[in-house]
């Protein structure tokens, strides 16, 4: 006997947006105000703490800043994962506690992440990377550069992603078109990518953690610090999962160099509270509106010099 799979009417009824946010580790960073949940937009990775609003009674969301859009739980997952509607349905079916019996007899398997191991031709001398003061040799070492082809990474500056052991997983794309950034956020990640299970650059420094570690939000900060001989990893955002926190706690000294905006500062305080019992955690402060890769080498070194990181280069710079 054949049974139908869940349709979107079922899924929207039985999967609240709150459950989607909780599943991704985003709920703990949101505020509750009556019927509403408020926080930074997880779609375009904004920094306004009240831009993203969820009505729990209506099971609807809206972003008042970068996205200027909203919708139901289906549209939220579609935008978060940049995936097709069938993929959304498969994902939501795994989060549903109760569905009509006919719908749950044979629920579809959730989509699994498929690593992309092939290397792509990237331009390490792109003007965008030069603006970030990332040398072509550094970009080559990190497998980063402008992608001049089409498809998923078309129009992006791409960077290779790896698991903690160094196995290639695919590429992240940094959008350059302002219209696309406003609509979809700065970053494109592969569908179903296990973002909360990796730290960018961890495989490069895992055997030198005794020197101490700097945490930043984006890959460009990792590359800039690598040019100074300073070990660093990136969260690919501001939210750290339990897995990522356990990886960070392996370092005896951790310096949190998050972006100089409200979201970055909140994330740094939250991480210090979570990790302070496991390692020696320090907060480094950046000027308002500045990311680590916005600073000159001298200023970046001066920002980190007060902290007990074992780096010769950081102490040589004036």
Protein backbone atom coordinates (compact mmCIF):
# COMPACT_ATOMS: atom_id res chain seq x y z
CA UNK A 1 0.00 0.00 0.00
CA UNK A 2 1.38 3.42 -0.93
CA UNK A 3 1.33 6.33 1.49
CA UNK A 4 1.80 9.98 0.63
CA UNK A 5 4.76 11.93 1.92
CA UNK A 6 4.16 15.09 3.98
CA UNK A 7 2.90 18.05 1.99
CA UNK A 8 3.68 21.66 2.83
CA UNK A 9 0.32 22.17 4.51
CA UNK A 10 1.19 19.40 6.97
CA UNK A 11 4.72 20.67 7.51
CA UNK A 12 3.73 24.28 8.14
CA UNK A 13 1.19 23.07 10.68
CA UNK A 14 3.45 20.70 12.59
CA UNK A 15 6.90 22.35 12.39
CA UNK A 16 7.17 25.70 14.22
CA UNK A 17 9.86 28.16 13.18
CA UNK A 18 11.16 28.02 16.76
CA UNK A 19 12.08 24.36 16.24
CA UNK A 20 14.03 25.17 13.09
CA UNK A 21 15.96 27.88 14.94
CA UNK A 22 16.63 25.59 17.91
CA UNK A 23 17.86 22.79 15.64
CA UNK A 24 20.47 25.16 14.17
CA UNK A 25 21.62 26.54 17.53
CA UNK A 26 20.12 29.98 16.80
CA UNK A 27 17.33 30.10 19.34
CA UNK A 28 19.60 30.72 22.34
CA UNK A 29 20.72 34.01 20.77
CA UNK A 30 17.19 35.37 20.37
CA UNK A 31 15.06 37.44 22.74
CA UNK A 32 11.51 36.53 23.73
CA UNK A 33 9.00 39.34 23.89
CA UNK A 34 5.54 37.98 24.42
CA UNK A 35 4.49 36.13 21.30
CA UNK A 36 7.58 37.24 19.37
CA UNK A 37 11.17 36.10 19.00
CA UNK A 38 13.70 38.80 18.05
CA UNK A 39 17.31 38.54 16.94
CA UNK A 40 19.89 39.10 14.24
CA UNK A 41 18.85 37.83 10.83
CA UNK A 42 20.34 34.34 10.26
CA UNK A 43 19.70 34.59 6.52
CA UNK A 44 21.85 37.58 5.60
CA UNK A 45 23.88 37.44 8.86
CA UNK A 46 22.99 40.95 9.92
CA UNK A 47 23.98 42.52 13.21
CA UNK A 48 20.79 44.28 14.33
CA UNK A 49 19.46 42.42 17.40
CA UNK A 50 15.83 43.19 16.56
CA UNK A 51 15.84 42.96 12.75
CA UNK A 52 14.61 39.35 12.54
CA UNK A 53 11.16 38.86 14.09
CA UNK A 54 9.20 35.63 14.48
CA UNK A 55 5.51 35.51 15.37
CA UNK A 56 5.10 32.22 17.20
CA UNK A 57 1.30 32.22 17.06
CA UNK A 58 1.28 32.81 13.30
CA UNK A 59 4.45 30.78 12.61
CA UNK A 60 5.73 33.58 10.36
CA UNK A 61 9.01 35.54 10.21
CA UNK A 62 10.18 38.85 8.79
CA UNK A 63 13.59 40.54 8.35
CA UNK A 64 13.35 44.33 8.52
CA UNK A 65 16.89 45.10 7.31
CA UNK A 66 18.98 43.26 4.69
CA UNK A 67 16.36 40.82 3.42
CA UNK A 68 13.30 43.10 3.60
CA UNK A 69 11.30 39.91 3.26
CA UNK A 70 9.54 37.25 5.28
CA UNK A 71 7.30 34.24 5.10
CA UNK A 72 6.52 30.89 6.66
CA UNK A 73 8.75 28.08 7.90
CA UNK A 74 9.11 26.71 4.37
CA UNK A 75 10.44 29.99 3.02
CA UNK A 76 12.78 30.33 5.99
CA UNK A 77 14.46 26.96 5.40
CA UNK A 78 14.60 27.58 1.65
CA UNK A 79 16.47 30.86 2.21
CA UNK A 80 18.71 29.55 4.99
CA UNK A 81 19.89 26.54 2.96
CA UNK A 82 19.40 27.99 -0.55
CA UNK A 83 17.78 24.73 -1.53
CA UNK A 84 14.83 23.48 -3.56
CA UNK A 85 11.32 22.97 -2.25
CA UNK A 86 11.60 19.15 -2.27
CA UNK A 87 14.76 19.52 -0.17
CA UNK A 88 12.92 21.82 2.23
CA UNK A 89 10.15 19.25 2.61
CA UNK A 90 12.61 16.47 3.39
CA UNK A 91 14.35 18.59 6.01
CA UNK A 92 11.15 19.75 7.72
CA UNK A 93 9.81 16.21 7.83
CA UNK A 94 12.74 15.26 10.07
CA UNK A 95 11.85 18.05 12.52
CA UNK A 96 8.14 17.29 12.81
CA UNK A 97 7.09 15.72 16.11
CA UNK A 98 3.63 14.72 14.90
CA UNK A 99 2.29 14.44 11.37
CA UNK A 100 -0.90 12.81 10.10
CA UNK A 101 -0.43 9.01 10.02
CA UNK A 102 -0.61 8.87 6.24
CA UNK A 103 2.17 11.42 6.04
CA UNK A 104 4.65 9.78 8.40
CA UNK A 105 4.40 6.14 7.37
CA UNK A 106 7.41 6.46 5.08
CA UNK A 107 8.87 9.95 5.58
CA UNK A 108 11.53 10.85 3.05
CA UNK A 109 15.14 10.66 4.13
CA UNK A 110 16.71 14.02 4.93
CA UNK A 111 19.15 15.35 2.42
CA UNK A 112 22.70 14.48 3.31
CA UNK A 113 25.64 16.75 2.70
CA UNK A 114 27.77 15.58 -0.21
CA UNK A 115 31.40 16.79 -0.06
CA UNK A 116 32.79 18.39 -3.20
CA UNK A 117 36.42 17.30 -3.42
CA UNK A 118 37.41 18.57 -6.86
CA UNK A 119 39.66 21.64 -6.97
CA UNK A 120 38.39 24.70 -8.85
CA UNK A 121 40.50 27.31 -10.67
CA UNK A 122 40.53 30.48 -8.57
CA UNK A 123 42.23 33.82 -9.10
CA UNK A 124 44.31 34.58 -5.97
CA UNK A 125 45.23 38.05 -7.25
CA UNK A 126 41.69 39.42 -7.37
CA UNK A 127 41.18 43.09 -6.55
CA UNK A 128 38.82 42.17 -3.72
CA UNK A 129 41.48 40.10 -1.96
CA UNK A 130 44.06 42.81 -2.54
CA UNK A 131 41.69 45.28 -0.88
CA UNK A 132 41.63 42.92 2.12
CA UNK A 133 45.49 42.96 2.13
CA UNK A 134 45.59 39.22 1.48
CA UNK A 135 48.70 38.33 -0.49
CA UNK A 136 48.32 36.05 -3.53
CA UNK A 137 50.61 33.45 -1.91
CA UNK A 138 48.37 33.40 1.16
CA UNK A 139 45.26 33.06 -1.00
CA UNK A 140 46.85 30.15 -2.87
CA UNK A 141 47.78 28.44 0.40
CA UNK A 142 44.19 28.75 1.63
CA UNK A 143 42.76 27.89 -1.82
CA UNK A 144 40.93 31.20 -2.09
CA UNK A 145 40.31 33.54 -4.99
CA UNK A 146 37.83 34.97 -7.45
CA UNK A 147 35.85 32.39 -9.40
CA UNK A 148 35.33 33.40 -13.00
CA UNK A 149 33.01 30.58 -13.99
CA UNK A 150 29.25 30.24 -13.64
CA UNK A 151 27.00 28.14 -11.45
CA UNK A 152 26.94 28.10 -7.66
CA UNK A 153 30.08 30.24 -7.21
CA UNK A 154 29.52 32.57 -10.15
CA UNK A 155 30.38 36.15 -9.27
CA UNK A 156 31.91 35.19 -5.92
CA UNK A 157 35.27 35.13 -4.22
CA UNK A 158 35.53 31.51 -3.14
CA UNK A 159 37.45 29.75 -0.39
CA UNK A 160 37.98 26.03 0.18
CA UNK A 161 36.38 24.43 3.25
CA UNK A 162 37.78 21.42 5.14
CA UNK A 163 36.73 19.22 8.00
CA UNK A 164 38.81 19.25 11.22
CA UNK A 165 41.10 16.53 9.80
CA UNK A 166 41.76 18.45 6.58
CA UNK A 167 39.48 16.55 4.20
CA UNK A 168 38.03 18.93 1.55
CA UNK A 169 34.30 19.58 1.85
CA UNK A 170 33.65 22.12 -0.91
CA UNK A 171 33.72 25.88 -1.28
CA UNK A 172 32.09 28.87 0.35
CA UNK A 173 31.36 31.85 -1.87
CA UNK A 174 31.51 35.48 -0.75
CA UNK A 175 29.00 37.41 -2.84
CA UNK A 176 30.18 40.69 -4.33
CA UNK A 177 26.96 41.95 -5.90
CA UNK A 178 25.24 44.35 -3.48
CA UNK A 179 21.73 43.44 -4.66
CA UNK A 180 22.37 39.75 -4.00
CA UNK A 181 23.92 40.56 -0.63
CA UNK A 182 20.84 42.52 0.42
CA UNK A 183 18.55 39.71 -0.69
CA UNK A 184 20.52 36.65 0.43
CA UNK A 185 23.43 37.73 2.66
CA UNK A 186 27.14 37.85 2.03
CA UNK A 187 27.91 34.14 2.03
CA UNK A 188 26.87 31.12 -0.01
CA UNK A 189 27.45 27.71 1.52
CA UNK A 190 26.89 24.30 -0.12
CA UNK A 191 23.42 22.80 0.45
CA UNK A 192 23.11 20.97 3.78
CA UNK A 193 26.67 22.01 4.68
CA UNK A 194 27.48 21.03 8.32
CA UNK A 195 28.46 24.56 9.28
CA UNK A 196 28.18 23.94 13.03
CA UNK A 197 30.69 21.05 12.90
CA UNK A 198 33.76 22.86 11.55
CA UNK A 199 35.99 25.81 12.29
CA UNK A 200 37.55 27.36 9.21
CA UNK A 201 41.31 26.75 9.24
CA UNK A 202 41.30 24.36 12.20
CA UNK A 203 43.10 21.59 10.34
CA UNK A 204 46.01 23.98 9.69
CA UNK A 205 46.68 24.80 13.34
CA UNK A 206 45.43 21.72 15.19
CA UNK A 207 48.99 20.53 15.93
CA UNK A 208 50.14 23.93 17.24
CA UNK A 209 47.30 24.77 19.62
CA UNK A 210 49.75 25.15 22.51
CA UNK A 211 50.75 28.52 21.00
CA UNK A 212 47.28 29.85 21.70
CA UNK A 213 44.48 30.56 19.27
CA UNK A 214 42.60 33.56 17.93
CA UNK A 215 38.93 33.25 16.95
CA UNK A 216 37.47 35.49 14.23
CA UNK A 217 34.23 35.41 12.31
CA UNK A 218 35.35 35.18 8.66
CA UNK A 219 38.08 33.39 6.67
CA UNK A 220 39.71 36.68 5.64
CA UNK A 221 40.66 37.37 9.24
CA UNK A 222 42.27 33.93 9.48
CA UNK A 223 44.33 34.65 6.35
CA UNK A 224 45.42 38.09 7.56
CA UNK A 225 46.53 36.64 10.90
CA UNK A 226 48.33 33.78 9.15
CA UNK A 227 50.42 36.42 7.36
CA UNK A 228 51.52 37.61 10.82
CA UNK A 229 52.31 34.10 11.97
CA UNK A 230 49.33 34.04 14.35
CA UNK A 231 47.21 30.84 14.51
CA UNK A 232 43.53 31.59 14.02
CA UNK A 233 40.24 29.93 13.08
CA UNK A 234 36.88 31.33 11.97
CA UNK A 235 33.33 30.51 13.02
CA UNK A 236 31.81 31.44 9.64
CA UNK A 237 29.43 33.64 11.61
CA UNK A 238 28.82 34.59 15.23
CA UNK A 239 27.12 31.47 16.63
CA UNK A 240 29.17 28.59 18.05
CA UNK A 241 27.74 25.10 18.45
CA UNK A 242 28.70 22.70 21.25
CA UNK A 243 31.02 20.91 18.80
CA UNK A 244 32.79 24.14 17.87
CA UNK A 245 33.11 25.15 21.52
CA UNK A 246 34.78 21.82 22.33
CA UNK A 247 37.25 22.39 19.51
CA UNK A 248 38.05 25.91 20.74
CA UNK A 249 38.54 24.66 24.31
CA UNK A 250 41.47 22.50 23.13
CA UNK A 251 43.61 25.64 23.03
CA UNK A 252 45.02 26.67 26.44
CA UNK A 253 44.74 30.35 25.46
CA UNK A 254 41.90 31.73 23.35
CA UNK A 255 41.62 35.33 22.15
CA UNK A 256 38.19 36.33 20.84
CA UNK A 257 38.70 38.85 18.02
CA UNK A 258 35.12 39.20 16.85
CA UNK A 259 33.89 42.00 14.58
CA UNK A 260 33.44 45.46 16.07
CA UNK A 261 29.64 45.46 15.85
CA UNK A 262 26.87 44.59 18.34
CA UNK A 263 26.50 41.01 17.09
CA UNK A 264 30.23 40.35 17.31
CA UNK A 265 30.51 41.81 20.79
CA UNK A 266 27.51 39.85 22.08
CA UNK A 267 28.96 36.66 20.62
CA UNK A 268 32.33 37.30 22.27
CA UNK A 269 30.76 37.81 25.70
CA UNK A 270 28.63 34.70 25.29
CA UNK A 271 31.64 32.59 24.25
CA UNK A 272 33.76 33.86 27.13
CA UNK A 273 31.06 32.80 29.57
CA UNK A 274 30.83 29.36 27.97
CA UNK A 275 34.57 28.68 27.62
CA UNK A 276 36.12 30.48 30.57
CA UNK A 277 36.09 27.33 32.70
CA UNK A 278 37.94 25.31 30.03
CA UNK A 279 40.71 27.64 28.83
CA UNK A 280 42.23 31.07 29.37
CA UNK A 281 39.84 33.32 27.41
CA UNK A 282 40.59 36.94 26.46
CA UNK A 283 38.51 39.56 24.67
CA UNK A 284 40.18 41.76 22.06
CA UNK A 285 38.33 44.96 21.16
CA UNK A 286 38.04 46.33 17.62
CA UNK A 287 36.94 49.85 16.63
CA UNK A 288 33.24 50.29 15.90
CA UNK A 289 32.29 48.87 12.52
CA UNK A 290 35.69 47.24 11.90
CA UNK A 291 36.48 43.62 11.08
CA UNK A 292 39.96 42.19 11.71
CA UNK A 293 40.73 42.25 7.99
CA UNK A 294 39.95 45.99 7.85
CA UNK A 295 43.01 46.78 9.98
CA UNK A 296 46.60 47.31 8.87
CA UNK A 297 49.20 44.72 9.88
CA UNK A 298 50.65 47.08 12.50
CA UNK A 299 47.24 47.81 14.03
CA UNK A 300 46.24 44.14 13.96
CA UNK A 301 49.48 43.17 15.70
CA UNK A 302 49.11 45.95 18.26
CA UNK A 303 45.57 44.77 19.03
CA UNK A 304 46.81 41.27 19.87
CA UNK A 305 50.18 42.09 21.45
CA UNK A 306 48.77 42.42 25.03
CA UNK A 307 47.62 38.81 25.00
CA UNK A 308 49.85 35.80 25.81
CA UNK A 309 50.07 34.36 22.30
CA UNK A 310 53.31 32.60 21.41
CA UNK A 311 54.12 34.41 18.15
CA UNK A 312 57.48 35.95 17.27
CA UNK A 313 56.04 38.05 14.44
CA UNK A 314 53.50 39.82 16.62
CA UNK A 315 56.24 41.15 18.89
CA UNK A 316 58.53 42.26 16.06
CA UNK A 317 56.02 44.66 14.56
CA UNK A 318 56.10 48.20 16.05
